[in-house]
Every structure is written in C-alpha cells, then in structure tokens.
Amino acid sequence: MANLRQSIRLTALALAFLILAGWTFGITLSLAASSWNGTWKLNVSKSSIPGPSFSLALAPDGKYRVENDTSSYTFGCDEKEYQISQQRTVSCKLDGSSMNLTFRANGKIVRNDHWELTAGGSKMTHTSSEPQADGSTKSNSNQFVRASGSFGFVGGWTNAQRLESHPQLVLTLDGSRLHLVLPEVAQSADVTLDGSDSPMHGANGITVAIRPNGANEFAITKKFDGKVVNQGYLRLSADGRSLVESYWSPSWPDKRAVLVYDKQ
C-alpha cells in the first residue's frame, strides 16, 4: 500500500513537472515573439552559399544526373518518363542548345523547365513554369554562369543573383506556431514547433519541420517528397537585431550556407 501511495505521488509530481515545463515553454515563446516577429532583410555582404547552385553530370550510359540544394535525380533526354521520387517523374527533350524538362506528380504536370545555353555555352538561362490551382501559371527565370565543365550542359552552374533570390524573410511567432514567408518567391509555411513536417506552400514537394533548440534558436529540417535535403538552424542574436540562418546537406555537412538577416 505504501508503495502504491509513493507511486501515485511520483506520477503526480511527474505530471506537474510536464505541465509546468509546457507552461514555461509557452511563456518563453510568448516573451520572445516580439524579437522574432517582423521583416528581416538579407545582408548580402555577410552571407555566403558554398559551391555551385546546381551541377549536371553525364554518365557513360548517356543519362544526366542533377544535384542541387533541394534534390538530386537521374534522367535520360529521350522523352521517356524517369522516376525521381516516390510520387514524381521527369521527362526530357534536347533541342540543340536547349533542354526541356517536364515534371509530373502522380501523373499530373507540376512544372515545366526550359534550359537554354547562351554566350557560347558559358551562360545558361533557366525558365520554369508551374500550373496553379486557379488555372494561372507561376513563372520564374534565372541566369546562370558556368562554374565548372567546358561543354554543353554538363558542369557546375551558379546563379549570379543567388543570394539576392531570397532578400527578405517575414516571421510571425504566435505561441507554439511560426508563420514564415519568402515574399519574392511567393512561398510560405505555417509550422507547429514540435518537429512535425509542414508543407512549404509555393514550393511543390517541400516540407519544413522546426523545433526549439534553446531560448534563441530553432532547429530546421527540410524535405523533398519525404527525403531530407537540408538541415540547419535559425539563430536570433542576443540584442534581437540580427538573425542567422545556416543550413547544409546531409551528404556535405562541411559545406554550410550562412545567411545573415538584419531586422527592419
């Protein structure tokens, strides 16, 4: 009987601790919200992203291999469908100095890419278009310069405006939820701060998971079609005036991007 009473007391103490811990966690986030909330502008001079934006290799069997920050996949330019994830396929057609890719998710077209070599192959224009639910099309165009390789599409390619592509980050911390927006690329997410995956709206197939890692830091994991593509953190400075985002691929943990934002 004494053992039973002791067990009940220990259980009650454990429950009280969990309740208190959850209450303290909520208060901490509430007090910190004013520091996290607002618009953050990228400080380009203090930021860096290692390596090319993406690389394209050609295997002996004639298939191409793409590696970038969010995915890696293999395909042939023979207009056939190639499985690049559990839900997605890609088909490719070569036409002289241009390459056209069509991406499908569960058989439905989700993006069309057009890659065009210019300046004798030293530069490349990449244009993408994504059908939207309302019937419209979201388009985007970027210019790349060759970082490696010397012939055709094969090699490393760097976006000359790579850092400027995400010049602002807007955060709203509300209790145990974080709303984040990348205005220039029309991407956003509403994330529960428990490490569970939330969709990144405007970025097909990308999810983001966030959890607190101390008083002034969030640990972040991004996935593409369920596969981890990068992980890192958001860290708030002690004075609340700057924010550092750092991330890296699980395959290259020593190649870390560092983005420094100043509060507006």
C-alpha atoms as a PDB file:
ATOM      1  CA  MET A   1       0.000   0.000   0.000  1.00  0.00           C
ATOM      2  CA  ALA A   2       2.867   2.341   0.857  1.00  0.00           C
ATOM      3  CA  ASN A   3       4.466   1.547  -2.488  1.00  0.00           C
ATOM      4  CA  LEU A   4       1.198   2.369  -4.250  1.00  0.00           C
ATOM      5  CA  ARG A   5       0.914   5.745  -2.467  1.00  0.00           C
ATOM      6  CA  GLN A   6       4.533   6.519  -3.351  1.00  0.00           C
ATOM      7  CA  SER A   7       3.912   5.579  -6.989  1.00  0.00           C
ATOM      8  CA  ILE A   8       0.861   7.878  -7.127  1.00  0.00           C
ATOM      9  CA  ARG A   9       2.853  10.764  -5.608  1.00  0.00           C
ATOM     10  CA  LEU A  10       5.671  10.270  -8.147  1.00  0.00           C
ATOM     11  CA  THR A  11       3.188  10.168 -11.021  1.00  0.00           C
ATOM     12  CA  ALA A  12       1.518  13.358  -9.790  1.00  0.00           C
ATOM     13  CA  LEU A  13       4.905  15.077  -9.481  1.00  0.00           C
ATOM     14  CA  ALA A  14       5.847  13.961 -12.997  1.00  0.00           C
ATOM     15  CA  LEU A  15       2.582  15.302 -14.417  1.00  0.00           C
ATOM     16  CA  ALA A  16       3.032  18.579 -12.556  1.00  0.00           C
ATOM     17  CA  PHE A  17       6.540  18.889 -13.973  1.00  0.00           C
ATOM     18  CA  LEU A  18       5.336  18.275 -17.540  1.00  0.00           C
ATOM     19  CA  ILE A  19       2.537  20.821 -17.157  1.00  0.00           C
ATOM     20  CA  LEU A  20       4.938  23.375 -15.684  1.00  0.00           C
ATOM     21  CA  ALA A  21       7.504  22.701 -18.439  1.00  0.00           C
ATOM     22  CA  GLY A  22       4.871  23.170 -21.139  1.00  0.00           C
ATOM     23  CA  TRP A  23       3.627  26.377 -19.467  1.00  0.00           C
ATOM     24  CA  THR A  24       7.189  27.717 -19.186  1.00  0.00           C
ATOM     25  CA  PHE A  25       7.867  26.809 -22.846  1.00  0.00           C
ATOM     26  CA  GLY A  26       4.766  28.718 -23.908  1.00  0.00           C
ATOM     27  CA  ILE A  27       5.707  31.762 -21.814  1.00  0.00           C
ATOM     28  CA  THR A  28       9.263  31.715 -23.217  1.00  0.00           C
ATOM     29  CA  LEU A  29       7.982  31.696 -26.803  1.00  0.00           C
ATOM     30  CA  SER A  30       5.439  34.406 -25.979  1.00  0.00           C
ATOM     31  CA  LEU A  31       8.089  36.668 -24.472  1.00  0.00           C
ATOM     32  CA  ALA A  32      10.452  36.015 -27.405  1.00  0.00           C
ATOM     33  CA  ALA A  33       7.820  36.611 -30.091  1.00  0.00           C
ATOM     34  CA  SER A  34       8.406  40.354 -30.278  1.00  0.00           C
ATOM     35  CA  SER A  35      12.080  39.695 -31.029  1.00  0.00           C
ATOM     36  CA  TRP A  36      11.433  37.099 -33.746  1.00  0.00           C
ATOM     37  CA  ASN A  37       8.448  38.838 -35.356  1.00  0.00           C
ATOM     38  CA  GLY A  38       8.886  41.187 -38.274  1.00  0.00           C
ATOM     39  CA  THR A  39      10.608  41.577 -41.628  1.00  0.00           C
ATOM     40  CA  TRP A  40      14.236  40.518 -41.949  1.00  0.00           C
ATOM     41  CA  LYS A  41      16.417  41.755 -44.836  1.00  0.00           C
ATOM     42  CA  LEU A  42      19.354  39.714 -46.115  1.00  0.00           C
ATOM     43  CA  ASN A  43      22.768  41.258 -45.504  1.00  0.00           C
ATOM     44  CA  VAL A  44      24.484  40.063 -48.696  1.00  0.00           C
ATOM     45  CA  SER A  45      27.969  41.187 -47.616  1.00  0.00           C
ATOM     46  CA  LYS A  46      27.841  38.904 -44.548  1.00  0.00           C
ATOM     47  CA  SER A  47      26.181  35.913 -46.264  1.00  0.00           C
ATOM     48  CA  SER A  48      27.598  33.037 -48.290  1.00  0.00           C
ATOM     49  CA  ILE A  49      26.462  29.838 -50.010  1.00  0.00           C
ATOM     50  CA  PRO A  50      29.271  27.410 -50.937  1.00  0.00           C
ATOM     51  CA  GLY A  51      29.531  25.597 -54.245  1.00  0.00           C
ATOM     52  CA  PRO A  52      27.519  25.991 -57.457  1.00  0.00           C
ATOM     53  CA  SER A  53      23.735  26.417 -57.418  1.00  0.00           C
ATOM     54  CA  PHE A  54      23.453  23.044 -59.123  1.00  0.00           C
ATOM     55  CA  SER A  55      25.572  20.598 -61.096  1.00  0.00           C
ATOM     56  CA  LEU A  56      24.781  18.390 -64.067  1.00  0.00           C
ATOM     57  CA  ALA A  57      26.828  15.270 -64.819  1.00  0.00           C
ATOM     58  CA  LEU A  58      26.614  12.879 -67.777  1.00  0.00           C
ATOM     59  CA  ALA A  59      27.008   9.147 -67.095  1.00  0.00           C
ATOM     60  CA  PRO A  60      28.543   6.679 -69.598  1.00  0.00           C
ATOM     61  CA  ASP A  61      25.051   5.358 -70.361  1.00  0.00           C
ATOM     62  CA  GLY A  62      24.007   8.827 -71.574  1.00  0.00           C
ATOM     63  CA  LYS A  63      21.839   9.716 -68.579  1.00  0.00           C
ATOM     64  CA  TYR A  64      22.119  13.038 -66.757  1.00  0.00           C
ATOM     65  CA  ARG A  65      22.472  13.468 -63.006  1.00  0.00           C
ATOM     66  CA  VAL A  66      21.288  16.696 -61.343  1.00  0.00           C
ATOM     67  CA  GLU A  67      22.460  17.740 -57.856  1.00  0.00           C
ATOM     68  CA  ASN A  68      21.145  20.873 -56.117  1.00  0.00           C
ATOM     69  CA  ASP A  69      20.157  22.230 -52.689  1.00  0.00           C
ATOM     70  CA  THR A  70      16.780  20.512 -52.597  1.00  0.00           C
ATOM     71  CA  SER A  71      17.020  17.364 -54.717  1.00  0.00           C
ATOM     72  CA  SER A  72      19.105  15.013 -56.823  1.00  0.00           C
ATOM     73  CA  TYR A  73      17.846  12.831 -59.638  1.00  0.00           C
ATOM     74  CA  THR A  74      18.843  10.954 -62.806  1.00  0.00           C
ATOM     75  CA  PHE A  75      17.132  11.060 -66.197  1.00  0.00           C
ATOM     76  CA  GLY A  76      17.660  10.483 -69.888  1.00  0.00           C
ATOM     77  CA  CYS A  77      16.872  13.036 -72.594  1.00  0.00           C
ATOM     78  CA  ASP A  78      14.836  10.597 -74.683  1.00  0.00           C
ATOM     79  CA  GLU A  79      11.323  11.912 -73.866  1.00  0.00           C
ATOM     80  CA  LYS A  80      10.672   8.888 -71.601  1.00  0.00           C
ATOM     81  CA  GLU A  81       9.404   9.185 -68.025  1.00  0.00           C
ATOM     82  CA  TYR A  82      12.012   8.685 -65.284  1.00  0.00           C
ATOM     83  CA  GLN A  83      11.072   8.154 -61.656  1.00  0.00           C
ATOM     84  CA  ILE A  84      12.846  10.725 -59.465  1.00  0.00           C
ATOM     85  CA  SER A  85      10.906  10.172 -56.233  1.00  0.00           C
ATOM     86  CA  GLN A  86       8.018   8.087 -54.981  1.00  0.00           C
ATOM     87  CA  GLN A  87       5.460  10.497 -56.462  1.00  0.00           C
ATOM     88  CA  ARG A  88       7.390  12.303 -59.202  1.00  0.00           C
ATOM     89  CA  THR A  89       8.696  11.650 -62.693  1.00  0.00           C
ATOM     90  CA  VAL A  90      10.598  13.753 -65.210  1.00  0.00           C
ATOM     91  CA  SER A  91      10.876  13.572 -68.988  1.00  0.00           C
ATOM     92  CA  CYS A  92      13.437  15.434 -71.074  1.00  0.00           C
ATOM     93  CA  LYS A  93      13.876  16.559 -74.670  1.00  0.00           C
ATOM     94  CA  LEU A  94      17.087  18.000 -76.122  1.00  0.00           C
ATOM     95  CA  ASP A  95      16.854  20.520 -78.940  1.00  0.00           C
ATOM     96  CA  GLY A  96      20.281  21.860 -79.905  1.00  0.00           C
ATOM     97  CA  SER A  97      21.290  24.367 -77.244  1.00  0.00           C
ATOM     98  CA  SER A  98      18.110  23.917 -75.208  1.00  0.00           C
ATOM     99  CA  MET A  99      16.844  21.256 -72.800  1.00  0.00           C
ATOM    100  CA  ASN A 100      13.174  20.930 -71.861  1.00  0.00           C
ATOM    101  CA  LEU A 101      12.091  19.072 -68.727  1.00  0.00           C
ATOM    102  CA  THR A 102       8.539  18.174 -67.709  1.00  0.00           C
ATOM    103  CA  PHE A 103       7.912  17.191 -64.084  1.00  0.00           C
ATOM    104  CA  ARG A 104       4.821  15.227 -63.072  1.00  0.00           C
ATOM    105  CA  ALA A 105       3.443  14.297 -59.652  1.00  0.00           C
ATOM    106  CA  ASN A 106       1.158  11.270 -59.706  1.00  0.00           C
ATOM    107  CA  GLY A 107       0.837  11.717 -63.476  1.00  0.00           C
ATOM    108  CA  LYS A 108      -0.092  15.423 -63.341  1.00  0.00           C
ATOM    109  CA  ILE A 109       2.235  18.120 -64.715  1.00  0.00           C
ATOM    110  CA  VAL A 110       3.542  20.274 -61.855  1.00  0.00           C
ATOM    111  CA  ARG A 111       6.405  22.117 -63.580  1.00  0.00           C
ATOM    112  CA  ASN A 112       7.987  22.742 -66.975  1.00  0.00           C
ATOM    113  CA  ASP A 113      11.656  23.796 -67.196  1.00  0.00           C
ATOM    114  CA  HIS A 114      13.448  25.297 -70.178  1.00  0.00           C
ATOM    115  CA  TRP A 115      17.257  25.468 -70.071  1.00  0.00           C
ATOM    116  CA  GLU A 116      18.952  27.487 -72.816  1.00  0.00           C
ATOM    117  CA  LEU A 117      22.724  27.761 -73.348  1.00  0.00           C
ATOM    118  CA  THR A 118      23.975  31.236 -74.322  1.00  0.00           C
ATOM    119  CA  ALA A 119      27.267  33.088 -74.775  1.00  0.00           C
ATOM    120  CA  GLY A 120      28.929  30.080 -76.379  1.00  0.00           C
ATOM    121  CA  GLY A 121      27.914  27.802 -73.513  1.00  0.00           C
ATOM    122  CA  SER A 122      29.416  29.920 -70.744  1.00  0.00           C
ATOM    123  CA  LYS A 123      25.974  31.022 -69.550  1.00  0.00           C
ATOM    124  CA  MET A 124      22.553  29.448 -69.247  1.00  0.00           C
ATOM    125  CA  THR A 125      19.018  30.764 -68.843  1.00  0.00           C
ATOM    126  CA  HIS A 126      16.637  28.696 -66.762  1.00  0.00           C
ATOM    127  CA  THR A 127      12.913  29.378 -67.075  1.00  0.00           C
ATOM    128  CA  SER A 128      10.296  27.433 -65.131  1.00  0.00           C
ATOM    129  CA  SER A 129       6.505  27.493 -65.164  1.00  0.00           C
ATOM    130  CA  GLU A 130       4.163  25.861 -62.652  1.00  0.00           C
ATOM    131  CA  PRO A 131       0.408  25.408 -63.193  1.00  0.00           C
ATOM    132  CA  GLN A 132      -1.608  26.783 -60.263  1.00  0.00           C
ATOM    133  CA  ALA A 133      -4.871  25.510 -58.778  1.00  0.00           C
ATOM    134  CA  ASP A 134      -6.763  28.580 -60.037  1.00  0.00           C
ATOM    135  CA  GLY A 135      -5.720  27.903 -63.634  1.00  0.00           C
ATOM    136  CA  SER A 136      -2.961  30.506 -63.748  1.00  0.00           C
ATOM    137  CA  THR A 137       0.746  29.791 -64.250  1.00  0.00           C
ATOM    138  CA  LYS A 138       3.571  30.803 -61.942  1.00  0.00           C
ATOM    139  CA  SER A 139       6.746  31.588 -63.913  1.00  0.00           C
ATOM    140  CA  ASN A 140      10.318  32.244 -62.873  1.00  0.00           C
ATOM    141  CA  SER A 141      13.536  32.945 -64.786  1.00  0.00           C
ATOM    142  CA  ASN A 142      17.183  32.918 -63.659  1.00  0.00           C
ATOM    143  CA  GLN A 143      20.560  33.457 -65.286  1.00  0.00           C
ATOM    144  CA  PHE A 144      23.431  31.072 -64.536  1.00  0.00           C
ATOM    145  CA  VAL A 145      27.152  31.241 -65.268  1.00  0.00           C
ATOM    146  CA  ARG A 146      29.372  28.218 -65.727  1.00  0.00           C
ATOM    147  CA  ALA A 147      31.380  27.346 -62.608  1.00  0.00           C
ATOM    148  CA  SER A 148      32.941  24.150 -63.992  1.00  0.00           C
ATOM    149  CA  GLY A 149      32.893  21.981 -67.095  1.00  0.00           C
ATOM    150  CA  SER A 150      33.507  23.155 -70.634  1.00  0.00           C
ATOM    151  CA  PHE A 151      30.952  21.579 -72.938  1.00  0.00           C
ATOM    152  CA  GLY A 152      27.168  21.591 -73.249  1.00  0.00           C
ATOM    153  CA  PHE A 153      25.016  21.406 -70.144  1.00  0.00           C
ATOM    154  CA  VAL A 154      27.470  19.295 -68.164  1.00  0.00           C
ATOM    155  CA  GLY A 155      29.220  21.079 -65.285  1.00  0.00           C
ATOM    156  CA  GLY A 156      28.529  23.272 -62.293  1.00  0.00           C
ATOM    157  CA  TRP A 157      26.265  26.303 -62.670  1.00  0.00           C
ATOM    158  CA  THR A 158      25.951  29.308 -60.352  1.00  0.00           C
ATOM    159  CA  ASN A 159      23.090  31.778 -60.194  1.00  0.00           C
ATOM    160  CA  ALA A 160      24.717  35.215 -60.383  1.00  0.00           C
ATOM    161  CA  GLN A 161      21.921  36.533 -58.142  1.00  0.00           C
ATOM    162  CA  ARG A 162      21.882  33.515 -55.835  1.00  0.00           C
ATOM    163  CA  LEU A 163      21.978  35.432 -52.575  1.00  0.00           C
ATOM    164  CA  GLU A 164      19.543  38.065 -53.801  1.00  0.00           C
ATOM    165  CA  SER A 165      16.920  35.423 -54.690  1.00  0.00           C
ATOM    166  CA  HIS A 166      15.587  35.434 -51.092  1.00  0.00           C
ATOM    167  CA  PRO A 167      16.237  39.031 -49.981  1.00  0.00           C
ATOM    168  CA  GLN A 168      13.559  39.053 -47.271  1.00  0.00           C
ATOM    169  CA  LEU A 169      12.187  36.746 -44.623  1.00  0.00           C
ATOM    170  CA  VAL A 170       8.983  37.589 -42.730  1.00  0.00           C
ATOM    171  CA  LEU A 171       8.349  35.812 -39.412  1.00  0.00           C
ATOM    172  CA  THR A 172       5.338  35.750 -37.100  1.00  0.00           C
ATOM    173  CA  LEU A 173       5.686  33.715 -33.904  1.00  0.00           C
ATOM    174  CA  ASP A 174       2.344  33.018 -32.225  1.00  0.00           C
ATOM    175  CA  GLY A 175       2.508  30.697 -29.252  1.00  0.00           C
ATOM    176  CA  SER A 176       3.793  27.356 -30.493  1.00  0.00           C
ATOM    177  CA  ARG A 177       3.348  28.195 -34.190  1.00  0.00           C
ATOM    178  CA  LEU A 178       5.650  30.021 -36.572  1.00  0.00           C
ATOM    179  CA  HIS A 179       4.419  31.603 -39.806  1.00  0.00           C
ATOM    180  CA  LEU A 180       7.231  32.279 -42.266  1.00  0.00           C
ATOM    181  CA  VAL A 181       7.072  33.957 -45.669  1.00  0.00           C
ATOM    182  CA  LEU A 182       9.545  34.418 -48.529  1.00  0.00           C
ATOM    183  CA  PRO A 183       7.702  37.243 -50.336  1.00  0.00           C
ATOM    184  CA  GLU A 184       9.802  37.430 -53.511  1.00  0.00           C
ATOM    185  CA  VAL A 185       9.235  33.771 -54.424  1.00  0.00           C
ATOM    186  CA  ALA A 186       5.672  33.599 -53.024  1.00  0.00           C
ATOM    187  CA  GLN A 187       6.482  30.789 -50.585  1.00  0.00           C
ATOM    188  CA  SER A 188       5.123  30.407 -47.064  1.00  0.00           C
ATOM    189  CA  ALA A 189       4.604  27.881 -44.284  1.00  0.00           C
ATOM    190  CA  ASP A 190       2.661  27.612 -41.030  1.00  0.00           C
ATOM    191  CA  VAL A 191       4.721  25.413 -38.747  1.00  0.00           C
ATOM    192  CA  THR A 192       3.886  23.879 -35.387  1.00  0.00           C
ATOM    193  CA  LEU A 193       7.080  23.978 -33.315  1.00  0.00           C
ATOM    194  CA  ASP A 194       7.131  20.298 -32.419  1.00  0.00           C
ATOM    195  CA  GLY A 195       9.351  18.934 -35.209  1.00  0.00           C
ATOM    196  CA  SER A 196       6.466  17.745 -37.379  1.00  0.00           C
ATOM    197  CA  ASP A 197       6.530  18.333 -41.148  1.00  0.00           C
ATOM    198  CA  SER A 198       4.532  21.219 -42.633  1.00  0.00           C
ATOM    199  CA  PRO A 199       4.162  21.969 -46.357  1.00  0.00           C
ATOM    200  CA  MET A 200       6.026  24.895 -47.858  1.00  0.00           C
ATOM    201  CA  HIS A 201       3.288  26.494 -49.929  1.00  0.00           C
ATOM    202  CA  GLY A 202       4.540  27.591 -53.342  1.00  0.00           C
ATOM    203  CA  ALA A 203       7.348  25.006 -53.354  1.00  0.00           C
ATOM    204  CA  ASN A 204       5.968  21.730 -54.692  1.00  0.00           C
ATOM    205  CA  GLY A 205       7.022  18.745 -52.599  1.00  0.00           C
ATOM    206  CA  ILE A 206       8.995  20.728 -49.991  1.00  0.00           C
ATOM    207  CA  THR A 207       8.160  20.391 -46.294  1.00  0.00           C
ATOM    208  CA  VAL A 208       9.749  22.094 -43.299  1.00  0.00           C
ATOM    209  CA  ALA A 209       9.979  20.925 -39.683  1.00  0.00           C
ATOM    210  CA  ILE A 210      11.004  23.267 -36.848  1.00  0.00           C
ATOM    211  CA  ARG A 211      11.609  22.773 -33.141  1.00  0.00           C
ATOM    212  CA  PRO A 212      13.105  24.997 -30.415  1.00  0.00           C
ATOM    213  CA  ASN A 213      16.783  24.414 -29.659  1.00  0.00           C
ATOM    214  CA  GLY A 214      17.369  26.676 -26.703  1.00  0.00           C
ATOM    215  CA  ALA A 215      15.953  30.134 -25.991  1.00  0.00           C
ATOM    216  CA  ASN A 216      17.143  31.881 -29.164  1.00  0.00           C
ATOM    217  CA  GLU A 217      17.405  29.127 -31.766  1.00  0.00           C
ATOM    218  CA  PHE A 218      15.183  26.924 -33.908  1.00  0.00           C
ATOM    219  CA  ALA A 219      16.419  23.683 -35.488  1.00  0.00           C
ATOM    220  CA  ILE A 220      15.095  23.268 -39.046  1.00  0.00           C
ATOM    221  CA  THR A 221      14.802  20.252 -41.339  1.00  0.00           C
ATOM    222  CA  LYS A 222      13.643  20.498 -44.949  1.00  0.00           C
ATOM    223  CA  LYS A 223      12.477  17.542 -47.019  1.00  0.00           C
ATOM    224  CA  PHE A 224      11.595  16.982 -50.663  1.00  0.00           C
ATOM    225  CA  ASP A 225       8.985  14.265 -51.189  1.00  0.00           C
ATOM    226  CA  GLY A 226       9.765  12.929 -47.709  1.00  0.00           C
ATOM    227  CA  LYS A 227      13.575  12.835 -48.124  1.00  0.00           C
ATOM    228  CA  VAL A 228      15.775  15.141 -46.038  1.00  0.00           C
ATOM    229  CA  VAL A 229      17.541  17.587 -48.382  1.00  0.00           C
ATOM    230  CA  ASN A 230      18.996  20.023 -45.863  1.00  0.00           C
ATOM    231  CA  GLN A 231      19.041  20.767 -42.173  1.00  0.00           C
ATOM    232  CA  GLY A 232      20.226  23.651 -40.057  1.00  0.00           C
ATOM    233  CA  TYR A 233      19.071  26.390 -37.718  1.00  0.00           C
ATOM    234  CA  LEU A 234      17.698  29.898 -37.297  1.00  0.00           C
ATOM    235  CA  ARG A 235      19.552  31.761 -34.534  1.00  0.00           C
ATOM    236  CA  LEU A 236      18.479  35.085 -33.048  1.00  0.00           C
ATOM    237  CA  SER A 237      21.159  37.457 -31.738  1.00  0.00           C
ATOM    238  CA  ALA A 238      21.112  38.484 -28.071  1.00  0.00           C
ATOM    239  CA  ASP A 239      20.004  42.019 -28.964  1.00  0.00           C
ATOM    240  CA  GLY A 240      17.264  40.771 -31.326  1.00  0.00           C
ATOM    241  CA  ARG A 241      18.592  42.837 -34.246  1.00  0.00           C
ATOM    242  CA  SER A 242      20.065  40.092 -36.429  1.00  0.00           C
ATOM    243  CA  LEU A 243      19.111  36.585 -37.468  1.00  0.00           C
ATOM    244  CA  VAL A 244      21.431  33.891 -38.812  1.00  0.00           C
ATOM    245  CA  GLU A 245      20.162  31.019 -40.950  1.00  0.00           C
ATOM    246  CA  SER A 246      22.636  28.232 -41.606  1.00  0.00           C
ATOM    247  CA  TYR A 247      21.911  25.002 -43.475  1.00  0.00           C
ATOM    248  CA  TRP A 248      23.724  22.089 -45.071  1.00  0.00           C
ATOM    249  CA  SER A 249      23.028  18.887 -46.973  1.00  0.00           C
ATOM    250  CA  PRO A 250      23.312  15.614 -45.006  1.00  0.00           C
ATOM    251  CA  SER A 251      25.716  14.494 -47.768  1.00  0.00           C
ATOM    252  CA  TRP A 252      28.001  17.545 -47.338  1.00  0.00           C
ATOM    253  CA  PRO A 253      27.812  18.665 -43.684  1.00  0.00           C
ATOM    254  CA  ASP A 254      31.043  20.670 -44.060  1.00  0.00           C
ATOM    255  CA  LYS A 255      29.589  22.855 -46.850  1.00  0.00           C
ATOM    256  CA  ARG A 256      27.351  25.187 -44.891  1.00  0.00           C
ATOM    257  CA  ALA A 257      25.370  28.114 -46.196  1.00  0.00           C
ATOM    258  CA  VAL A 258      25.233  31.143 -43.881  1.00  0.00           C
ATOM    259  CA  LEU A 259      22.533  33.773 -44.418  1.00  0.00           C
ATOM    260  CA  VAL A 260      22.599  36.833 -42.158  1.00  0.00           C
ATOM    261  CA  TYR A 261      19.431  38.937 -41.874  1.00  0.00           C
ATOM    262  CA  ASP A 262      19.009  42.388 -40.303  1.00  0.00           C
ATOM    263  CA  LYS A 263      15.724  43.367 -38.689  1.00  0.00           C
ATOM    264  CA  GLN A 264      13.811  46.119 -40.480  1.00  0.00           C
END
